[in-house]
Amino acid sequence: MAVKILIGGVTGLLPYGLGNVDLPLAACLLGGSIRAALAGSFRGIGVPAPWLPPSRCTIRLATDTRMLLAPAIP
């Protein structure tokens, strides 16, 4: 387990050491993902259990469709 953590840390820091990481962008992405996880956890508490899988599939289908139909960035 310690070897996995060491290898993960080294491979995570390698792009930073090479200057390939945009730190403000990474901070915004991290902050957004934490807020989204907390919001999703609180919203999921009030949803009945049988509704969760269909609602997840619907949301996933909508976001994937949006990504596929979005114009490519030149």
N, C-alpha and C. Protein backbone atom coordinates (compact mmCIF):
# COMPACT_ATOMS: atom_id res chain seq x y z
N MET A 1 0.82 -1.19 0.00
CA MET A 1 0.00 0.00 0.00
C MET A 1 0.87 1.25 0.00
N ALA A 2 1.93 1.24 0.77
CA ALA A 2 2.82 2.40 0.83
C ALA A 2 3.47 2.64 -0.53
N VAL A 3 3.78 1.57 -1.25
CA VAL A 3 4.40 1.72 -2.57
C VAL A 3 3.41 2.37 -3.53
N LYS A 4 2.14 1.99 -3.44
CA LYS A 4 1.12 2.59 -4.30
C LYS A 4 0.99 4.09 -4.04
N ILE A 5 1.01 4.46 -2.77
CA ILE A 5 0.91 5.88 -2.42
C ILE A 5 2.14 6.64 -2.92
N LEU A 6 3.30 6.04 -2.78
CA LEU A 6 4.54 6.67 -3.24
C LEU A 6 4.53 6.85 -4.75
N ILE A 7 4.16 5.81 -5.48
CA ILE A 7 4.13 5.89 -6.94
C ILE A 7 3.08 6.90 -7.39
N GLY A 8 1.92 6.89 -6.74
CA GLY A 8 0.87 7.86 -7.09
C GLY A 8 1.32 9.29 -6.84
N GLY A 9 1.99 9.52 -5.73
CA GLY A 9 2.49 10.85 -5.44
C GLY A 9 3.54 11.32 -6.43
N VAL A 10 4.45 10.43 -6.77
CA VAL A 10 5.51 10.79 -7.73
C VAL A 10 4.92 11.09 -9.10
N THR A 11 4.03 10.22 -9.56
CA THR A 11 3.44 10.45 -10.89
C THR A 11 2.52 11.66 -10.89
N GLY A 12 1.96 12.01 -9.74
CA GLY A 12 1.14 13.21 -9.67
C GLY A 12 1.98 14.48 -9.65
N LEU A 13 3.15 14.42 -9.04
CA LEU A 13 4.01 15.60 -8.95
C LEU A 13 4.91 15.79 -10.17
N LEU A 14 5.08 14.75 -10.94
CA LEU A 14 5.96 14.85 -12.11
C LEU A 14 5.51 15.92 -13.11
N PRO A 15 4.23 15.95 -13.52
CA PRO A 15 3.83 17.02 -14.43
C PRO A 15 3.98 18.41 -13.82
N TYR A 16 3.78 18.52 -12.50
CA TYR A 16 3.98 19.81 -11.84
C TYR A 16 5.45 20.24 -11.93
N GLY A 17 6.35 19.30 -11.71
CA GLY A 17 7.77 19.61 -11.80
C GLY A 17 8.21 20.00 -13.20
N LEU A 18 7.52 19.48 -14.20
CA LEU A 18 7.85 19.81 -15.58
C LEU A 18 7.18 21.11 -16.04
N GLY A 19 6.34 21.68 -15.20
CA GLY A 19 5.69 22.95 -15.54
C GLY A 19 4.45 22.79 -16.40
N ASN A 20 3.84 21.61 -16.39
CA ASN A 20 2.68 21.36 -17.22
C ASN A 20 1.35 21.54 -16.49
N VAL A 21 1.37 22.06 -15.28
CA VAL A 21 0.15 22.15 -14.49
C VAL A 21 -0.23 23.62 -14.32
N ASP A 22 -1.49 23.94 -14.65
CA ASP A 22 -2.03 25.27 -14.43
C ASP A 22 -2.65 25.27 -13.03
N LEU A 23 -1.92 25.80 -12.05
CA LEU A 23 -2.36 25.72 -10.65
C LEU A 23 -3.69 26.42 -10.38
N PRO A 24 -3.95 27.62 -10.91
CA PRO A 24 -5.27 28.22 -10.66
C PRO A 24 -6.41 27.37 -11.23
N LEU A 25 -6.21 26.80 -12.40
CA LEU A 25 -7.23 25.94 -12.99
C LEU A 25 -7.42 24.68 -12.15
N ALA A 26 -6.34 24.07 -11.70
CA ALA A 26 -6.43 22.88 -10.87
C ALA A 26 -7.15 23.18 -9.55
N ALA A 27 -6.89 24.34 -8.97
CA ALA A 27 -7.56 24.73 -7.72
C ALA A 27 -9.06 24.92 -7.95
N CYS A 28 -9.42 25.55 -9.07
CA CYS A 28 -10.85 25.73 -9.37
C CYS A 28 -11.54 24.39 -9.61
N LEU A 29 -10.89 23.50 -10.31
CA LEU A 29 -11.48 22.18 -10.55
C LEU A 29 -11.65 21.41 -9.25
N LEU A 30 -10.66 21.48 -8.38
CA LEU A 30 -10.76 20.79 -7.10
C LEU A 30 -11.87 21.37 -6.24
N GLY A 31 -11.93 22.70 -6.18
CA GLY A 31 -12.99 23.34 -5.40
C GLY A 31 -14.37 23.03 -5.94
N GLY A 32 -14.52 23.01 -7.24
CA GLY A 32 -15.81 22.69 -7.84
C GLY A 32 -16.22 21.25 -7.62
N SER A 33 -15.26 20.34 -7.68
CA SER A 33 -15.59 18.93 -7.49
C SER A 33 -15.98 18.65 -6.04
N ILE A 34 -15.34 19.32 -5.10
CA ILE A 34 -15.69 19.12 -3.69
C ILE A 34 -17.10 19.66 -3.42
N ARG A 35 -17.39 20.86 -3.94
CA ARG A 35 -18.74 21.42 -3.75
C ARG A 35 -19.80 20.56 -4.41
N ALA A 36 -19.51 20.04 -5.59
CA ALA A 36 -20.48 19.20 -6.30
C ALA A 36 -20.72 17.89 -5.54
N ALA A 37 -19.67 17.32 -4.97
CA ALA A 37 -19.84 16.09 -4.20
C ALA A 37 -20.68 16.32 -2.95
N LEU A 38 -20.44 17.44 -2.28
CA LEU A 38 -21.24 17.75 -1.09
C LEU A 38 -22.69 18.02 -1.46
N ALA A 39 -22.91 18.78 -2.52
CA ALA A 39 -24.29 19.08 -2.94
C ALA A 39 -25.00 17.81 -3.36
N GLY A 40 -24.33 16.94 -4.09
CA GLY A 40 -24.94 15.69 -4.51
C GLY A 40 -25.26 14.78 -3.34
N SER A 41 -24.41 14.78 -2.34
CA SER A 41 -24.66 13.96 -1.15
C SER A 41 -25.90 14.45 -0.40
N PHE A 42 -26.01 15.76 -0.26
CA PHE A 42 -27.16 16.30 0.45
C PHE A 42 -28.44 16.13 -0.35
N ARG A 43 -28.37 16.25 -1.68
CA ARG A 43 -29.57 16.07 -2.50
C ARG A 43 -29.99 14.61 -2.54
N GLY A 44 -29.05 13.71 -2.49
CA GLY A 44 -29.36 12.28 -2.58
C GLY A 44 -30.04 11.74 -1.35
N ILE A 45 -29.92 12.42 -0.23
CA ILE A 45 -30.54 11.94 1.01
C ILE A 45 -32.07 11.94 0.89
N GLY A 46 -32.63 12.94 0.23
CA GLY A 46 -34.08 13.06 0.15
C GLY A 46 -34.72 12.28 -0.99
N VAL A 47 -33.93 11.64 -1.82
CA VAL A 47 -34.47 10.91 -2.97
C VAL A 47 -34.73 9.46 -2.57
N PRO A 48 -35.91 8.94 -2.87
CA PRO A 48 -36.17 7.53 -2.55
C PRO A 48 -35.22 6.60 -3.30
N ALA A 49 -34.83 5.52 -2.67
CA ALA A 49 -33.82 4.61 -3.23
C ALA A 49 -34.18 4.06 -4.61
N PRO A 50 -35.43 3.68 -4.90
CA PRO A 50 -35.72 3.16 -6.24
C PRO A 50 -35.55 4.19 -7.35
N TRP A 51 -35.55 5.47 -7.02
CA TRP A 51 -35.42 6.51 -8.05
C TRP A 51 -33.97 6.81 -8.39
N LEU A 52 -33.03 6.40 -7.55
CA LEU A 52 -31.64 6.79 -7.77
C LEU A 52 -31.04 6.26 -9.07
N PRO A 53 -31.10 4.96 -9.37
CA PRO A 53 -30.47 4.49 -10.61
C PRO A 53 -31.06 5.12 -11.88
N PRO A 54 -32.40 5.22 -12.02
CA PRO A 54 -32.91 5.87 -13.24
C PRO A 54 -32.52 7.34 -13.33
N SER A 55 -32.49 8.03 -12.19
CA SER A 55 -32.13 9.45 -12.25
C SER A 55 -30.65 9.62 -12.60
N ARG A 56 -29.80 8.75 -12.08
CA ARG A 56 -28.37 8.82 -12.44
C ARG A 56 -28.18 8.55 -13.93
N CYS A 57 -28.90 7.56 -14.44
CA CYS A 57 -28.79 7.24 -15.87
C CYS A 57 -29.26 8.40 -16.73
N THR A 58 -30.34 9.04 -16.33
CA THR A 58 -30.86 10.17 -17.09
C THR A 58 -29.88 11.33 -17.10
N ILE A 59 -29.31 11.64 -15.96
CA ILE A 59 -28.34 12.74 -15.88
C ILE A 59 -27.11 12.40 -16.70
N ARG A 60 -26.63 11.16 -16.60
CA ARG A 60 -25.46 10.75 -17.35
C ARG A 60 -25.71 10.81 -18.86
N LEU A 61 -26.89 10.36 -19.28
CA LEU A 61 -27.24 10.42 -20.69
C LEU A 61 -27.27 11.86 -21.20
N ALA A 62 -27.84 12.74 -20.40
CA ALA A 62 -27.93 14.15 -20.80
C ALA A 62 -26.54 14.78 -20.91
N THR A 63 -25.68 14.54 -19.93
CA THR A 63 -24.35 15.15 -19.98
C THR A 63 -23.50 14.55 -21.09
N ASP A 64 -23.59 13.24 -21.31
CA ASP A 64 -22.82 12.62 -22.38
C ASP A 64 -23.28 13.09 -23.75
N THR A 65 -24.59 13.23 -23.91
CA THR A 65 -25.12 13.72 -25.18
C THR A 65 -24.65 15.14 -25.43
N ARG A 66 -24.66 15.96 -24.38
CA ARG A 66 -24.18 17.33 -24.52
C ARG A 66 -22.71 17.38 -24.91
N MET A 67 -21.91 16.51 -24.33
CA MET A 67 -20.49 16.48 -24.67
C MET A 67 -20.27 16.03 -26.11
N LEU A 68 -21.06 15.05 -26.57
CA LEU A 68 -20.89 14.56 -27.94
C LEU A 68 -21.35 15.57 -28.98
N LEU A 69 -22.38 16.35 -28.66
CA LEU A 69 -22.93 17.30 -29.63
C LEU A 69 -22.29 18.67 -29.56
N ALA A 70 -21.44 18.90 -28.59
CA ALA A 70 -20.78 20.20 -28.46
C ALA A 70 -19.78 20.40 -29.60
N PRO A 71 -19.69 21.61 -30.11
CA PRO A 71 -18.71 21.84 -31.17
C PRO A 71 -17.28 21.72 -30.64
N ALA A 72 -16.41 21.24 -31.50
CA ALA A 72 -15.00 21.09 -31.11
C ALA A 72 -14.36 22.46 -30.97
N ILE A 73 -13.46 22.57 -30.02
CA ILE A 73 -12.72 23.82 -29.83
C ILE A 73 -11.57 23.85 -30.83
N PRO A 74 -11.53 24.88 -31.66
CA PRO A 74 -10.44 24.91 -32.67
C PRO A 74 -9.09 25.20 -32.07
